[in-house]
PDB file of N, CA and C in Angstrom:
ATOM      1  N   MET A   1       0.997   2.400  -3.964  1.00  0.00           N
ATOM      2  CA  MET A   1       1.509   3.613  -4.299  1.00  0.00           C
ATOM      3  C   MET A   1       2.730   3.736  -4.608  1.00  0.00           C
ATOM      4  N   ARG A   2       3.687   4.572  -5.483  1.00  0.00           N
ATOM      5  CA  ARG A   2       5.014   4.877  -5.705  1.00  0.00           C
ATOM      6  C   ARG A   2       5.487   5.142  -4.477  1.00  0.00           C
ATOM      7  N   ASN A   3       6.749   4.972  -4.822  1.00  0.00           N
ATOM      8  CA  ASN A   3       7.313   6.069  -3.388  1.00  0.00           C
ATOM      9  C   ASN A   3       8.475   6.935  -4.278  1.00  0.00           C
ATOM     10  N   ASP A   4       7.462   7.736  -4.181  1.00  0.00           N
ATOM     11  CA  ASP A   4       7.867   9.070  -5.114  1.00  0.00           C
ATOM     12  C   ASP A   4       8.712   9.822  -4.041  1.00  0.00           C
ATOM     13  N   SER A   5       9.497  10.641  -4.446  1.00  0.00           N
ATOM     14  CA  SER A   5      10.429  11.875  -4.094  1.00  0.00           C
ATOM     15  C   SER A   5       9.435  12.780  -3.437  1.00  0.00           C
ATOM     16  N   ILE A   6      10.528  14.019  -2.367  1.00  0.00           N
ATOM     17  CA  ILE A   6       9.617  15.381  -2.369  1.00  0.00           C
ATOM     18  C   ILE A   6       9.149  15.795  -3.146  1.00  0.00           C
ATOM     19  N   GLU A   7      10.170  16.289  -4.095  1.00  0.00           N
ATOM     20  CA  GLU A   7       9.836  17.184  -5.420  1.00  0.00           C
ATOM     21  C   GLU A   7       9.227  16.875  -6.194  1.00  0.00           C
ATOM     22  N   SER A   8       9.068  15.613  -6.342  1.00  0.00           N
ATOM     23  CA  SER A   8       8.482  15.057  -7.627  1.00  0.00           C
ATOM     24  C   SER A   8       6.856  15.031  -7.024  1.00  0.00           C
ATOM     25  N   LEU A   9       6.518  14.897  -5.975  1.00  0.00           N
ATOM     26  CA  LEU A   9       5.015  15.059  -5.099  1.00  0.00           C
ATOM     27  C   LEU A   9       4.738  16.315  -5.559  1.00  0.00           C
ATOM     28  N   LEU A  10       6.046  17.454  -5.401  1.00  0.00           N
ATOM     29  CA  LEU A  10       5.449  18.534  -4.505  1.00  0.00           C
ATOM     30  C   LEU A  10       5.164  19.200  -6.359  1.00  0.00           C
ATOM     31  N   LEU A  11       5.866  18.951  -7.147  1.00  0.00           N
ATOM     32  CA  LEU A  11       5.710  19.099  -8.357  1.00  0.00           C
ATOM     33  C   LEU A  11       4.170  18.668  -9.173  1.00  0.00           C
ATOM     34  N   ARG A  12       4.036  17.776  -8.574  1.00  0.00           N
ATOM     35  CA  ARG A  12       2.991  17.077  -9.466  1.00  0.00           C
ATOM     36  C   ARG A  12       1.391  18.050  -8.780  1.00  0.00           C
ATOM     37  N   HIS A  13       1.947  18.371  -7.302  1.00  0.00           N
ATOM     38  CA  HIS A  13       0.331  18.829  -6.571  1.00  0.00           C
ATOM     39  C   HIS A  13       0.685  20.497  -7.037  1.00  0.00           C
ATOM     40  N   TYR A  14       1.642  20.628  -7.245  1.00  0.00           N
ATOM     41  CA  TYR A  14       1.903  22.161  -7.511  1.00  0.00           C
ATOM     42  C   TYR A  14       1.915  23.022  -8.529  1.00  0.00           C
ATOM     43  N   GLY A  15       2.530  21.998  -9.508  1.00  0.00           N
ATOM     44  CA  GLY A  15       3.322  22.665 -10.630  1.00  0.00           C
ATOM     45  C   GLY A  15       4.660  23.040 -10.541  1.00  0.00           C
ATOM     46  N   ASP A  16       5.005  23.463 -11.745  1.00  0.00           N
ATOM     47  CA  ASP A  16       6.421  24.255 -12.264  1.00  0.00           C
ATOM     48  C   ASP A  16       6.507  25.218 -11.379  1.00  0.00           C
ATOM     49  N   ASP A  17       5.320  26.465 -11.238  1.00  0.00           N
ATOM     50  CA  ASP A  17       5.631  27.603 -11.210  1.00  0.00           C
ATOM     51  C   ASP A  17       5.242  28.090  -9.991  1.00  0.00           C
ATOM     52  N   ALA A  18       4.576  27.356  -9.144  1.00  0.00           N
ATOM     53  CA  ALA A  18       4.212  27.238  -7.542  1.00  0.00           C
ATOM     54  C   ALA A  18       5.690  27.138  -6.509  1.00  0.00           C
ATOM     55  N   PRO A  19       5.585  28.553  -6.102  1.00  0.00           N
ATOM     56  CA  PRO A  19       6.874  28.404  -4.475  1.00  0.00           C
ATOM     57  C   PRO A  19       6.352  27.404  -3.821  1.00  0.00           C
ATOM     58  N   ALA A  20       7.458  26.779  -3.162  1.00  0.00           N
ATOM     59  CA  ALA A  20       7.524  25.728  -2.393  1.00  0.00           C
ATOM     60  C   ALA A  20       6.890  26.255  -1.303  1.00  0.00           C
ATOM     61  N   PRO A  21       6.061  25.212  -0.328  1.00  0.00           N
ATOM     62  CA  PRO A  21       5.400  25.682   1.048  1.00  0.00           C
ATOM     63  C   PRO A  21       6.076  25.982   2.162  1.00  0.00           C
ATOM     64  N   ALA A  22       5.681  27.424   3.040  1.00  0.00           N
ATOM     65  CA  ALA A  22       6.902  28.101   3.501  1.00  0.00           C
ATOM     66  C   ALA A  22       7.313  27.451   4.768  1.00  0.00           C
ATOM     67  N   GLY A  23       8.697  26.762   4.994  1.00  0.00           N
ATOM     68  CA  GLY A  23       9.161  26.292   5.860  1.00  0.00           C
ATOM     69  C   GLY A  23       9.305  25.039   5.655  1.00  0.00           C
ATOM     70  N   LEU A  24       9.221  24.618   4.898  1.00  0.00           N
ATOM     71  CA  LEU A  24       9.353  23.278   4.233  1.00  0.00           C
ATOM     72  C   LEU A  24      10.676  22.692   4.517  1.00  0.00           C
ATOM     73  N   GLU A  25      12.095  23.388   4.027  1.00  0.00           N
ATOM     74  CA  GLU A  25      13.190  23.058   3.924  1.00  0.00           C
ATOM     75  C   GLU A  25      13.659  22.783   5.581  1.00  0.00           C
ATOM     76  N   THR A  26      13.360  23.713   6.730  1.00  0.00           N
ATOM     77  CA  THR A  26      13.573  23.880   7.516  1.00  0.00           C
ATOM     78  C   THR A  26      12.862  22.507   8.532  1.00  0.00           C
ATOM     79  N   ARG A  27      11.631  22.494   8.000  1.00  0.00           N
ATOM     80  CA  ARG A  27      10.592  20.965   8.572  1.00  0.00           C
ATOM     81  C   ARG A  27      11.011  19.543   8.191  1.00  0.00           C
ATOM     82  N   LEU A  28      11.580  19.919   6.754  1.00  0.00           N
ATOM     83  CA  LEU A  28      12.759  18.475   6.247  1.00  0.00           C
ATOM     84  C   LEU A  28      13.606  18.151   6.840  1.00  0.00           C
ATOM     85  N   ILE A  29      14.399  19.248   7.071  1.00  0.00           N
ATOM     86  CA  ILE A  29      16.176  19.203   8.016  1.00  0.00           C
ATOM     87  C   ILE A  29      15.231  18.622   9.598  1.00  0.00           C
ATOM     88  N   ALA A  30      14.657  19.316   9.981  1.00  0.00           N
ATOM     89  CA  ALA A  30      14.476  18.862  11.796  1.00  0.00           C
ATOM     90  C   ALA A  30      13.601  17.310  11.436  1.00  0.00           C
ATOM     91  N   SER A  31      13.299  16.501  10.661  1.00  0.00           N
ATOM     92  CA  SER A  31      12.569  15.227  10.719  1.00  0.00           C
ATOM     93  C   SER A  31      13.655  14.653  10.329  1.00  0.00           C
ATOM     94  N   VAL A  32      14.753  14.788   9.283  1.00  0.00           N
ATOM     95  CA  VAL A  32      16.062  13.965   9.169  1.00  0.00           C
ATOM     96  C   VAL A  32      16.703  13.556  10.485  1.00  0.00           C
ATOM     97  N   ARG A  33      16.779  14.966  11.292  1.00  0.00           N
ATOM     98  CA  ARG A  33      17.791  14.904  12.085  1.00  0.00           C
ATOM     99  C   ARG A  33      17.148  14.052  13.309  1.00  0.00           C
ATOM    100  N   ARG A  34      15.768  14.733  13.506  1.00  0.00           N
ATOM    101  CA  ARG A  34      14.567  13.780  14.611  1.00  0.00           C
ATOM    102  C   ARG A  34      15.065  12.051  14.226  1.00  0.00           C
ATOM    103  N   GLU A  35      14.883  11.930  12.836  1.00  0.00           N
ATOM    104  CA  GLU A  35      15.040  10.737  12.767  1.00  0.00           C
ATOM    105  C   GLU A  35      16.199   9.652  13.084  1.00  0.00           C
ATOM    106  N   ALA A  36      17.299  10.764  12.544  1.00  0.00           N
ATOM    107  CA  ALA A  36      18.576  10.251  12.987  1.00  0.00           C
ATOM    108  C   ALA A  36      18.874   9.837  14.419  1.00  0.00           C
ATOM    109  N   ALA A  37      18.361  10.678  15.110  1.00  0.00           N
ATOM    110  CA  ALA A  37      18.742  10.575  16.498  1.00  0.00           C
ATOM    111  C   ALA A  37      17.824   9.434  17.381  1.00  0.00           C
ATOM    112  N   GLU A  38      16.932   9.349  16.469  1.00  0.00           N
ATOM    113  CA  GLU A  38      15.961   7.576  17.076  1.00  0.00           C
ATOM    114  C   GLU A  38      16.607   7.176  16.732  1.00  0.00           C
ATOM    115  N   LEU A  39      17.250   6.394  15.538  1.00  0.00           N
ATOM    116  CA  LEU A  39      18.121   5.332  14.937  1.00  0.00           C
ATOM    117  C   LEU A  39      19.495   5.561  15.700  1.00  0.00           C
ATOM    118  N   ARG A  40      20.249   6.316  15.830  1.00  0.00           N
ATOM    119  CA  ARG A  40      21.148   6.220  16.741  1.00  0.00           C
ATOM    120  C   ARG A  40      20.745   5.460  18.302  1.00  0.00           C
ATOM    121  N   GLU A  41      19.860   6.066  18.944  1.00  0.00           N
ATOM    122  CA  GLU A  41      19.491   5.901  20.221  1.00  0.00           C
ATOM    123  C   GLU A  41      18.605   3.976  20.257  1.00  0.00           C
ATOM    124  N   GLN A  42      18.233   4.247  18.905  1.00  0.00           N
ATOM    125  CA  GLN A  42      17.634   2.481  18.892  1.00  0.00           C
ATOM    126  C   GLN A  42      19.115   1.682  18.506  1.00  0.00           C
ATOM    127  N   GLU A  43      20.027   2.011  18.082  1.00  0.00           N
ATOM    128  CA  GLU A  43      21.391   1.177  17.653  1.00  0.00           C
ATOM    129  C   GLU A  43      22.273   1.136  19.288  1.00  0.00           C
ATOM    130  N   ARG A  44      21.813   2.259  19.716  1.00  0.00           N
ATOM    131  CA  ARG A  44      22.782   2.029  21.495  1.00  0.00           C
ATOM    132  C   ARG A  44      22.124   1.113  22.416  1.00  0.00           C
ATOM    133  N   VAL A  45      20.976   1.337  22.317  1.00  0.00           N
ATOM    134  CA  VAL A  45      19.754   0.261  23.381  1.00  0.00           C
ATOM    135  C   VAL A  45      20.355  -1.057  22.833  1.00  0.00           C
ATOM    136  N   ALA A  46      20.436  -1.482  21.339  1.00  0.00           N
ATOM    137  CA  ALA A  46      20.644  -2.663  21.111  1.00  0.00           C
ATOM    138  C   ALA A  46      21.802  -3.441  20.995  1.00  0.00           C
ATOM    139  N   ALA A  47      23.071  -2.174  20.860  1.00  0.00           N
ATOM    140  CA  ALA A  47      24.283  -2.243  21.208  1.00  0.00           C
ATOM    141  C   ALA A  47      24.294  -2.632  22.756  1.00  0.00           C
ATOM    142  N   ARG A  48      23.682  -1.996  23.522  1.00  0.00           N
ATOM    143  CA  ARG A  48      23.806  -2.137  25.042  1.00  0.00           C
ATOM    144  C   ARG A  48      23.266  -3.842  25.563  1.00  0.00           C
ATOM    145  N   LEU A  49      22.307  -3.831  25.035  1.00  0.00           N
ATOM    146  CA  LEU A  49      21.090  -5.354  25.226  1.00  0.00           C
ATOM    147  C   LEU A  49      22.315  -6.637  24.416  1.00  0.00           C
ATOM    148  N   GLY A  50      23.187  -6.442  23.438  1.00  0.00           N
ATOM    149  CA  GLY A  50      23.931  -7.260  23.520  1.00  0.00           C
ATOM    150  C   GLY A  50      25.070  -7.216  24.121  1.00  0.00           C
ATOM    151  N   GLU A  51      25.491  -6.796  24.103  1.00  0.00           N
ATOM    152  CA  GLU A  51      26.913  -7.049  25.358  1.00  0.00           C
ATOM    153  C   GLU A  51      26.096  -7.438  26.695  1.00  0.00           C
ATOM    154  N   ARG A  52      24.984  -7.258  27.236  1.00  0.00           N
ATOM    155  CA  ARG A  52      24.994  -7.461  28.670  1.00  0.00           C
ATOM    156  C   ARG A  52      24.914  -8.904  28.861  1.00  0.00           C
ATOM    157  N   ARG A  53      25.555  -9.250  29.548  1.00  0.00           N
ATOM    158  CA  ARG A  53      25.597 -10.599  30.184  1.00  0.00           C
ATOM    159  C   ARG A  53      24.707 -11.396  31.100  1.00  0.00           C
ATOM    160  N   ILE A  54      24.150 -12.473  30.461  1.00  0.00           N
ATOM    161  CA  ILE A  54      23.118 -12.650  31.809  1.00  0.00           C
ATOM    162  C   ILE A  54      23.821 -13.858  32.262  1.00  0.00           C
ATOM    163  N   SER A  55      23.699 -14.592  33.386  1.00  0.00           N
ATOM    164  CA  SER A  55      23.763 -15.718  34.206  1.00  0.00           C
ATOM    165  C   SER A  55      22.908 -16.675  34.080  1.00  0.00           C
ATOM    166  N   ARG A  56      23.425 -17.736  33.784  1.00  0.00           N
ATOM    167  CA  ARG A  56      22.490 -19.461  34.148  1.00  0.00           C
ATOM    168  C   ARG A  56      21.403 -18.941  34.425  1.00  0.00           C
ATOM    169  N   ARG A  57      21.426 -18.762  35.512  1.00  0.00           N
ATOM    170  CA  ARG A  57      19.976 -18.844  36.587  1.00  0.00           C
ATOM    171  C   ARG A  57      19.043 -18.151  36.052  1.00  0.00           C
ATOM    172  N   ALA A  58      19.388 -16.903  35.651  1.00  0.00           N
ATOM    173  CA  ALA A  58      18.913 -16.067  35.275  1.00  0.00           C
ATOM    174  C   ALA A  58      18.107 -16.177  34.142  1.00  0.00           C
ATOM    175  N   ALA A  59      18.849 -16.566  32.877  1.00  0.00           N
ATOM    176  CA  ALA A  59      18.072 -17.595  31.815  1.00  0.00           C
ATOM    177  C   ALA A  59      17.335 -18.826  31.708  1.00  0.00           C
ATOM    178  N   VAL A  60      17.590 -19.563  33.248  1.00  0.00           N
ATOM    179  CA  VAL A  60      16.495 -20.671  33.455  1.00  0.00           C
ATOM    180  C   VAL A  60      15.608 -20.312  34.228  1.00  0.00           C
ATOM    181  N   ARG A  61      15.632 -19.074  34.747  1.00  0.00           N
ATOM    182  CA  ARG A  61      14.654 -18.329  35.864  1.00  0.00           C
ATOM    183  C   ARG A  61      13.448 -17.907  34.415  1.00  0.00           C
ATOM    184  N   LEU A  62      14.147 -17.291  33.472  1.00  0.00           N
ATOM    185  CA  LEU A  62      13.189 -16.840  32.250  1.00  0.00           C
ATOM    186  C   LEU A  62      12.306 -17.675  31.490  1.00  0.00           C
ATOM    187  N   VAL A  63      13.665 -18.976  31.159  1.00  0.00           N
ATOM    188  CA  VAL A  63      12.975 -19.649  30.770  1.00  0.00           C
ATOM    189  C   VAL A  63      11.403 -20.797  31.524  1.00  0.00           C
ATOM    190  N   ALA A  64      12.001 -20.968  32.720  1.00  0.00           N
ATOM    191  CA  ALA A  64      10.793 -21.217  33.613  1.00  0.00           C
ATOM    192  C   ALA A  64       9.664 -20.386  33.465  1.00  0.00           C
ATOM    193  N   ILE A  65       9.658 -19.150  33.726  1.00  0.00           N
ATOM    194  CA  ILE A  65       8.759 -18.315  33.805  1.00  0.00           C
ATOM    195  C   ILE A  65       8.044 -17.864  32.659  1.00  0.00           C
ATOM    196  N   GLY A  66       8.417 -18.040  31.460  1.00  0.00           N
ATOM    197  CA  GLY A  66       7.780 -18.489  30.159  1.00  0.00           C
ATOM    198  C   GLY A  66       7.197 -19.656  29.766  1.00  0.00           C
ATOM    199  N   THR A  67       7.235 -20.363  30.195  1.00  0.00           N
ATOM    200  CA  THR A  67       6.814 -21.643  30.099  1.00  0.00           C
ATOM    201  C   THR A  67       5.481 -22.163  31.155  1.00  0.00           C
ATOM    202  N   ALA A  68       5.817 -21.489  32.197  1.00  0.00           N
ATOM    203  CA  ALA A  68       4.790 -21.259  33.273  1.00  0.00           C
ATOM    204  C   ALA A  68       3.561 -20.497  33.106  1.00  0.00           C
ATOM    205  N   GLY A  69       4.071 -19.627  32.029  1.00  0.00           N
ATOM    206  CA  GLY A  69       2.859 -18.562  31.694  1.00  0.00           C
ATOM    207  C   GLY A  69       2.422 -19.311  30.635  1.00  0.00           C
ATOM    208  N   LEU A  70       2.764 -19.856  29.692  1.00  0.00           N
ATOM    209  CA  LEU A  70       2.368 -20.770  28.348  1.00  0.00           C
ATOM    210  C   LEU A  70       1.322 -21.804  28.778  1.00  0.00           C
ATOM    211  N   SER A  71       1.697 -22.761  30.154  1.00  0.00           N
ATOM    212  CA  SER A  71       0.868 -23.333  30.467  1.00  0.00           C
ATOM    213  C   SER A  71      -0.544 -23.035  30.931  1.00  0.00           C
ATOM    214  N   VAL A  72      -0.121 -21.906  31.952  1.00  0.00           N
ATOM    215  CA  VAL A  72      -1.716 -21.103  31.925  1.00  0.00           C
ATOM    216  C   VAL A  72      -2.471 -20.847  31.182  1.00  0.00           C
ATOM    217  N   VAL A  73      -1.839 -19.890  29.889  1.00  0.00           N
ATOM    218  CA  VAL A  73      -3.107 -19.841  28.574  1.00  0.00           C
ATOM    219  C   VAL A  73      -3.262 -21.101  28.428  1.00  0.00           C
ATOM    220  N   SER A  74      -2.580 -21.758  28.007  1.00  0.00           N
ATOM    221  CA  SER A  74      -3.332 -23.184  27.567  1.00  0.00           C
ATOM    222  C   SER A  74      -4.163 -23.843  28.389  1.00  0.00           C
ATOM    223  N   MET A  75      -3.970 -23.783  29.920  1.00  0.00           N
ATOM    224  CA  MET A  75      -5.285 -24.015  30.491  1.00  0.00           C
ATOM    225  C   MET A  75      -6.703 -22.975  30.396  1.00  0.00           C
ATOM    226  N   GLY A  76      -5.936 -22.195  30.725  1.00  0.00           N
ATOM    227  CA  GLY A  76      -7.451 -21.049  29.974  1.00  0.00           C
ATOM    228  C   GLY A  76      -8.113 -21.267  28.319  1.00  0.00           C
ATOM    229  N   LEU A  77      -7.580 -21.648  27.735  1.00  0.00           N
ATOM    230  CA  LEU A  77      -7.983 -22.171  26.486  1.00  0.00           C
ATOM    231  C   LEU A  77      -8.655 -23.459  26.540  1.00  0.00           C
ATOM    232  N   GLU A  78      -7.977 -24.358  27.317  1.00  0.00           N
ATOM    233  CA  GLU A  78      -8.808 -25.597  27.308  1.00  0.00           C
ATOM    234  C   GLU A  78     -10.234 -25.623  28.048  1.00  0.00           C
ATOM    235  N   SER A  79     -10.047 -24.431  28.908  1.00  0.00           N
ATOM    236  CA  SER A  79     -11.598 -24.287  30.074  1.00  0.00           C
ATOM    237  C   SER A  79     -12.311 -23.417  29.025  1.00  0.00           C
ATOM    238  N   LEU A  80     -12.143 -22.566  28.527  1.00  0.00           N
ATOM    239  CA  LEU A  80     -13.016 -22.000  27.232  1.00  0.00           C
ATOM    240  C   LEU A  80     -13.414 -22.813  26.325  1.00  0.00           C
ATOM    241  N   GLN A  81     -12.737 -23.742  25.804  1.00  0.00           N
ATOM    242  CA  GLN A  81     -13.296 -24.737  25.057  1.00  0.00           C
ATOM    243  C   GLN A  81     -14.415 -25.247  25.409  1.00  0.00           C
ATOM    244  N   SER A  82     -14.314 -26.046  26.780  1.00  0.00           N
ATOM    245  CA  SER A  82     -14.709 -26.780  27.390  1.00  0.00           C
ATOM    246  C   SER A  82     -16.230 -26.274  27.805  1.00  0.00           C
ATOM    247  N   LEU A  83     -16.385 -25.113  28.204  1.00  0.00           N
ATOM    248  CA  LEU A  83     -16.943 -23.786  27.867  1.00  0.00           C
ATOM    249  C   LEU A  83     -17.945 -23.703  27.393  1.00  0.00           C
ATOM    250  N   GLU A  84     -17.471 -23.281  26.119  1.00  0.00           N
ATOM    251  CA  GLU A  84     -18.302 -23.060  25.024  1.00  0.00           C
ATOM    252  C   GLU A  84     -18.688 -24.393  24.496  1.00  0.00           C
ATOM    253  N   ALA A  85     -18.335 -25.726  24.141  1.00  0.00           N
ATOM    254  CA  ALA A  85     -18.946 -27.064  24.208  1.00  0.00           C
ATOM    255  C   ALA A  85     -20.358 -27.425  24.970  1.00  0.00           C
ATOM    256  N   GLY A  86     -20.209 -26.866  26.026  1.00  0.00           N
ATOM    257  CA  GLY A  86     -21.073 -27.171  27.403  1.00  0.00           C
ATOM    258  C   GLY A  86     -22.652 -26.012  26.776  1.00  0.00           C
ATOM    259  N   LEU A  87     -21.892 -25.034  26.572  1.00  0.00           N
ATOM    260  CA  LEU A  87     -22.523 -24.072  26.222  1.00  0.00           C
ATOM    261  C   LEU A  87     -23.667 -24.174  25.132  1.00  0.00           C
ATOM    262  N   MET A  88     -23.112 -24.954  23.762  1.00  0.00           N
ATOM    263  CA  MET A  88     -23.522 -25.310  22.825  1.00  0.00           C
ATOM    264  C   MET A  88     -24.262 -26.413  22.580  1.00  0.00           C
ATOM    265  N   GLY A  89     -23.945 -27.272  23.682  1.00  0.00           N
ATOM    266  CA  GLY A  89     -24.919 -28.324  23.911  1.00  0.00           C
ATOM    267  C   GLY A  89     -23.975 -29.684  23.463  1.00  0.00           C
ATOM    268  N   GLN A  90     -23.297 -29.666  23.340  1.00  0.00           N
ATOM    269  CA  GLN A  90     -22.061 -30.605  22.798  1.00  0.00           C
ATOM    270  C   GLN A  90     -22.025 -31.560  23.974  1.00  0.00           C
ATOM    271  N   ASP A  91     -21.926 -32.714  23.678  1.00  0.00           N
ATOM    272  CA  ASP A  91     -21.196 -34.090  24.262  1.00  0.00           C
ATOM    273  C   ASP A  91     -19.655 -33.924  24.265  1.00  0.00           C
ATOM    274  N   ILE A  92     -19.189 -33.114  25.854  1.00  0.00           N
ATOM    275  CA  ILE A  92     -17.898 -33.177  26.170  1.00  0.00           C
ATOM    276  C   ILE A  92     -17.161 -34.044  27.017  1.00  0.00           C
ATOM    277  N   THR A  93     -18.034 -35.370  27.435  1.00  0.00           N
ATOM    278  CA  THR A  93     -17.514 -36.253  28.117  1.00  0.00           C
ATOM    279  C   THR A  93     -16.323 -37.047  27.017  1.00  0.00           C
ATOM    280  N   GLN A  94     -15.582 -37.562  27.371  1.00  0.00           N
ATOM    281  CA  GLN A  94     -14.681 -38.537  27.106  1.00  0.00           C
ATOM    282  C   GLN A  94     -14.452 -40.130  27.489  1.00  0.00           C
ATOM    283  N   PRO A  95     -14.634 -41.092  27.192  1.00  0.00           N
ATOM    284  CA  PRO A  95     -14.440 -42.377  27.415  1.00  0.00           C
ATOM    285  C   PRO A  95     -13.444 -42.308  28.413  1.00  0.00           C
ATOM    286  N   ALA A  96     -13.063 -43.068  29.249  1.00  0.00           N
ATOM    287  CA  ALA A  96     -11.658 -43.722  29.742  1.00  0.00           C
ATOM    288  C   ALA A  96     -11.019 -44.499  28.890  1.00  0.00           C
ATOM    289  N   TYR A  97     -11.908 -45.510  28.700  1.00  0.00           N
ATOM    290  CA  TYR A  97     -11.347 -46.321  27.670  1.00  0.00           C
ATOM    291  C   TYR A  97     -11.777 -46.508  26.316  1.00  0.00           C
ATOM    292  N   PRO A  98     -11.153 -46.158  25.391  1.00  0.00           N
ATOM    293  CA  PRO A  98     -11.979 -45.831  23.825  1.00  0.00           C
ATOM    294  C   PRO A  98     -12.169 -47.013  23.152  1.00  0.00           C
TER     295      PRO A  98
END
């Protein structure tokens, strides 16, 4: 779908002689102002997060928590795979020495 302007969409739908829908300009202005306010808020939050300092201790703690979470997910996936293999009747045992 093409990225048409509001004017071209209205002309295509209503034609040249039809009036614009009631309150269209007011709604468009309100929408633009709302989007501008949301953008300003996002920029403010991004700037605040960029300025916030984090200690080495907090950074190490975040990395440790993330690593622990990934290992838990990995163990869960391995147990699901072995459970699935057991239910499917596959031999999931591995020899100690190849």
